[in-house]
Amino acid sequence: MSKSLYWFIQLSWGLPLNVIGGIIAFVLICKGNKPRKFGYAIYFEMGENWGGVNFGGFFFVQKNASTQIKRHEYGHSFQNLMLGIFMPLFVNIPSAIRYHYRNYKKAQGHYLQPYDHFWCERWATKLGDKYYKG
């Protein structure tokens, strides 16, 4: 896939999440945070020990995030290419609920299954591994 096609689909079929990501990116740039490239996506680093979140062709990760975290968030951008306007319903909302539930259970000392045990997270990791040519 070409960079042009990636962004064409992000900014058409996948527009809703990219609007949110673009607004967050704009605010961060105004605050002096510098955008970086990862594959075709644009990402920002901020905060510590929280992982990452994706909004289409934009993603946001903790400072000094591992390549594994960045690949995973990049994989979510390919889910957005495929699911488009349905991405929030099928991936973002379930993933966010699960993320917070896992943090709650972890704080109580419960055993947690691997992060990629959940279907949409496993799919994001596989897509990121497939499409990131670092």
C-alpha atoms as a PDB file:
ATOM      1  CA  MET A   1       0.000   0.000   0.000  1.00  0.00           C
ATOM      2  CA  SER A   2       1.283   3.452  -0.866  1.00  0.00           C
ATOM      3  CA  LYS A   3       1.422   6.335   1.574  1.00  0.00           C
ATOM      4  CA  SER A   4      -1.037   8.256  -0.633  1.00  0.00           C
ATOM      5  CA  LEU A   5      -3.592   5.442  -0.565  1.00  0.00           C
ATOM      6  CA  TYR A   6      -3.125   5.002   3.207  1.00  0.00           C
ATOM      7  CA  TRP A   7      -3.930   8.670   3.851  1.00  0.00           C
ATOM      8  CA  PHE A   8      -6.689   8.832   1.238  1.00  0.00           C
ATOM      9  CA  ILE A   9      -8.555   6.031   2.998  1.00  0.00           C
ATOM     10  CA  GLN A  10      -7.763   7.434   6.462  1.00  0.00           C
ATOM     11  CA  LEU A  11      -9.211  10.798   5.429  1.00  0.00           C
ATOM     12  CA  SER A  12     -12.297   9.404   3.727  1.00  0.00           C
ATOM     13  CA  TRP A  13     -13.668   6.077   5.055  1.00  0.00           C
ATOM     14  CA  GLY A  14     -11.673   6.496   8.274  1.00  0.00           C
ATOM     15  CA  LEU A  15     -12.277  10.220   8.753  1.00  0.00           C
ATOM     16  CA  PRO A  16     -14.073  10.275  12.141  1.00  0.00           C
ATOM     17  CA  LEU A  17     -11.119   8.966  14.163  1.00  0.00           C
ATOM     18  CA  ASN A  18      -8.659  11.063  12.166  1.00  0.00           C
ATOM     19  CA  VAL A  19     -10.559  14.246  13.028  1.00  0.00           C
ATOM     20  CA  ILE A  20     -10.130  13.434  16.730  1.00  0.00           C
ATOM     21  CA  GLY A  21      -6.487  12.453  16.210  1.00  0.00           C
ATOM     22  CA  GLY A  22      -5.818  15.608  14.202  1.00  0.00           C
ATOM     23  CA  ILE A  23      -7.301  17.829  16.906  1.00  0.00           C
ATOM     24  CA  ILE A  24      -5.213  16.135  19.602  1.00  0.00           C
ATOM     25  CA  ALA A  25      -2.123  16.423  17.375  1.00  0.00           C
ATOM     26  CA  PHE A  26      -2.790  20.126  16.785  1.00  0.00           C
ATOM     27  CA  VAL A  27      -3.094  20.810  20.531  1.00  0.00           C
ATOM     28  CA  LEU A  28       0.116  18.878  21.241  1.00  0.00           C
ATOM     29  CA  ILE A  29       2.011  20.738  18.509  1.00  0.00           C
ATOM     30  CA  CYS A  30       0.784  24.051  19.968  1.00  0.00           C
ATOM     31  CA  LYS A  31       2.167  22.899  23.332  1.00  0.00           C
ATOM     32  CA  GLY A  32       5.568  22.200  21.739  1.00  0.00           C
ATOM     33  CA  ASN A  33       5.297  18.408  21.365  1.00  0.00           C
ATOM     34  CA  LYS A  34       6.928  17.305  18.117  1.00  0.00           C
ATOM     35  CA  PRO A  35       5.244  14.824  15.789  1.00  0.00           C
ATOM     36  CA  ARG A  36       7.173  11.762  14.646  1.00  0.00           C
ATOM     37  CA  LYS A  37       6.671   9.262  11.852  1.00  0.00           C
ATOM     38  CA  PHE A  38       6.117   5.540  12.230  1.00  0.00           C
ATOM     39  CA  GLY A  39       5.478   3.843   8.931  1.00  0.00           C
ATOM     40  CA  TYR A  40       2.872   6.079   7.316  1.00  0.00           C
ATOM     41  CA  ALA A  41       1.387   7.196  10.644  1.00  0.00           C
ATOM     42  CA  ILE A  42       2.129  10.261  12.747  1.00  0.00           C
ATOM     43  CA  TYR A  43       2.682   9.768  16.447  1.00  0.00           C
ATOM     44  CA  PHE A  44       3.465  11.669  19.617  1.00  0.00           C
ATOM     45  CA  GLU A  45       5.091  10.610  22.879  1.00  0.00           C
ATOM     46  CA  MET A  46       3.758  11.895  26.193  1.00  0.00           C
ATOM     47  CA  GLY A  47       3.350  10.790  29.772  1.00  0.00           C
ATOM     48  CA  GLU A  48       4.753   7.633  31.292  1.00  0.00           C
ATOM     49  CA  ASN A  49       3.686   4.032  31.890  1.00  0.00           C
ATOM     50  CA  TRP A  50       0.358   4.027  30.106  1.00  0.00           C
ATOM     51  CA  GLY A  51       0.883   2.369  26.711  1.00  0.00           C
ATOM     52  CA  GLY A  52      -0.812   4.034  23.781  1.00  0.00           C
ATOM     53  CA  VAL A  53      -3.993   4.976  21.967  1.00  0.00           C
ATOM     54  CA  ASN A  54      -4.800   5.229  18.272  1.00  0.00           C
ATOM     55  CA  PHE A  55      -6.985   7.655  16.346  1.00  0.00           C
ATOM     56  CA  GLY A  56      -6.685   6.598  12.714  1.00  0.00           C
ATOM     57  CA  GLY A  57      -3.424   7.746  11.140  1.00  0.00           C
ATOM     58  CA  PHE A  58      -2.409   9.376  14.433  1.00  0.00           C
ATOM     59  CA  PHE A  59      -1.357   7.602  17.581  1.00  0.00           C
ATOM     60  CA  PHE A  60      -0.177   8.666  20.984  1.00  0.00           C
ATOM     61  CA  VAL A  61       2.163   6.650  23.205  1.00  0.00           C
ATOM     62  CA  GLN A  62       4.037   6.914  26.467  1.00  0.00           C
ATOM     63  CA  LYS A  63       7.518   8.463  26.399  1.00  0.00           C
ATOM     64  CA  ASN A  64      10.193   6.044  25.217  1.00  0.00           C
ATOM     65  CA  ALA A  65       7.549   3.571  24.066  1.00  0.00           C
ATOM     66  CA  SER A  66       8.911   0.302  22.751  1.00  0.00           C
ATOM     67  CA  THR A  67       8.769  -0.517  19.060  1.00  0.00           C
ATOM     68  CA  GLN A  68       6.301  -3.245  20.028  1.00  0.00           C
ATOM     69  CA  ILE A  69       3.840  -0.681  21.435  1.00  0.00           C
ATOM     70  CA  LYS A  70       4.264   1.562  18.385  1.00  0.00           C
ATOM     71  CA  ARG A  71       3.767  -1.357  15.979  1.00  0.00           C
ATOM     72  CA  HIS A  72       0.607  -2.333  17.852  1.00  0.00           C
ATOM     73  CA  GLU A  73      -0.848   1.197  17.667  1.00  0.00           C
ATOM     74  CA  TYR A  74       0.161   1.379  13.987  1.00  0.00           C
ATOM     75  CA  GLY A  75      -1.757  -1.873  13.498  1.00  0.00           C
ATOM     76  CA  HIS A  76      -4.874  -0.154  14.821  1.00  0.00           C
ATOM     77  CA  SER A  77      -4.499   2.383  11.996  1.00  0.00           C
ATOM     78  CA  PHE A  78      -4.893  -0.469   9.500  1.00  0.00           C
ATOM     79  CA  GLN A  79      -7.986  -1.644  11.344  1.00  0.00           C
ATOM     80  CA  ASN A  80      -9.329   1.869  10.784  1.00  0.00           C
ATOM     81  CA  LEU A  81      -8.618   1.520   7.055  1.00  0.00           C
ATOM     82  CA  MET A  82     -10.677  -1.675   6.995  1.00  0.00           C
ATOM     83  CA  LEU A  83     -13.484  -0.784   9.400  1.00  0.00           C
ATOM     84  CA  GLY A  84     -13.724   2.963   8.781  1.00  0.00           C
ATOM     85  CA  ILE A  85     -16.743   4.515  10.437  1.00  0.00           C
ATOM     86  CA  PHE A  86     -17.396   1.259  12.315  1.00  0.00           C
ATOM     87  CA  MET A  87     -13.971   1.280  14.019  1.00  0.00           C
ATOM     88  CA  PRO A  88     -15.201   2.999  17.215  1.00  0.00           C
ATOM     89  CA  LEU A  89     -18.026   0.517  17.643  1.00  0.00           C
ATOM     90  CA  PHE A  90     -16.044  -2.653  16.994  1.00  0.00           C
ATOM     91  CA  VAL A  91     -12.551  -1.777  18.263  1.00  0.00           C
ATOM     92  CA  ASN A  92     -12.079   1.544  20.077  1.00  0.00           C
ATOM     93  CA  ILE A  93     -14.903   1.362  22.589  1.00  0.00           C
ATOM     94  CA  PRO A  94     -14.451  -2.337  23.482  1.00  0.00           C
ATOM     95  CA  SER A  95     -10.682  -1.828  23.698  1.00  0.00           C
ATOM     96  CA  ALA A  96     -11.005   1.222  25.963  1.00  0.00           C
ATOM     97  CA  ILE A  97     -13.448  -0.542  28.274  1.00  0.00           C
ATOM     98  CA  ARG A  98     -11.157  -3.554  28.451  1.00  0.00           C
ATOM     99  CA  TYR A  99      -8.061  -1.389  29.087  1.00  0.00           C
ATOM    100  CA  HIS A 100      -9.677   0.276  32.107  1.00  0.00           C
ATOM    101  CA  TYR A 101     -11.156  -2.977  33.389  1.00  0.00           C
ATOM    102  CA  ARG A 102      -7.700  -4.604  33.190  1.00  0.00           C
ATOM    103  CA  ASN A 103      -6.179  -1.718  35.174  1.00  0.00           C
ATOM    104  CA  TYR A 104      -8.898  -2.110  37.804  1.00  0.00           C
ATOM    105  CA  LYS A 105      -8.314  -5.888  38.065  1.00  0.00           C
ATOM    106  CA  LYS A 106      -4.535  -5.438  38.141  1.00  0.00           C
ATOM    107  CA  ALA A 107      -4.835  -2.972  41.020  1.00  0.00           C
ATOM    108  CA  GLN A 108      -6.792  -5.624  42.927  1.00  0.00           C
ATOM    109  CA  GLY A 109      -3.991  -8.125  42.322  1.00  0.00           C
ATOM    110  CA  HIS A 110      -5.887 -10.373  39.914  1.00  0.00           C
ATOM    111  CA  TYR A 111      -4.266 -12.523  37.244  1.00  0.00           C
ATOM    112  CA  LEU A 112      -4.590 -11.008  33.773  1.00  0.00           C
ATOM    113  CA  GLN A 113      -4.529 -12.878  30.500  1.00  0.00           C
ATOM    114  CA  PRO A 114      -2.057 -11.578  27.907  1.00  0.00           C
ATOM    115  CA  TYR A 115      -3.054  -8.262  26.332  1.00  0.00           C
ATOM    116  CA  ASP A 116      -3.376  -9.830  22.888  1.00  0.00           C
ATOM    117  CA  HIS A 117      -5.820 -12.430  24.185  1.00  0.00           C
ATOM    118  CA  PHE A 118      -8.627 -10.050  23.136  1.00  0.00           C
ATOM    119  CA  TRP A 119      -9.398 -10.474  19.420  1.00  0.00           C
ATOM    120  CA  CYS A 120      -9.100  -6.841  18.286  1.00  0.00           C
ATOM    121  CA  GLU A 121      -5.804  -6.352  20.148  1.00  0.00           C
ATOM    122  CA  ARG A 122      -4.349  -9.543  18.678  1.00  0.00           C
ATOM    123  CA  TRP A 123      -5.478  -8.385  15.217  1.00  0.00           C
ATOM    124  CA  ALA A 124      -3.855  -4.942  15.720  1.00  0.00           C
ATOM    125  CA  THR A 125      -0.555  -6.533  16.728  1.00  0.00           C
ATOM    126  CA  LYS A 126      -0.612  -8.836  13.681  1.00  0.00           C
ATOM    127  CA  LEU A 127      -1.374  -5.919  11.342  1.00  0.00           C
ATOM    128  CA  GLY A 128       1.363  -3.781  12.870  1.00  0.00           C
ATOM    129  CA  ASP A 129       3.870  -6.611  12.523  1.00  0.00           C
ATOM    130  CA  LYS A 130       2.778  -7.158   8.917  1.00  0.00           C
ATOM    131  CA  TYR A 131       2.829  -3.535   7.727  1.00  0.00           C
ATOM    132  CA  TYR A 132       5.657  -1.917   9.702  1.00  0.00           C
ATOM    133  CA  LYS A 133       8.829  -2.251   7.680  1.00  0.00           C
ATOM    134  CA  GLY A 134      11.079  -0.391  10.157  1.00  0.00           C
END
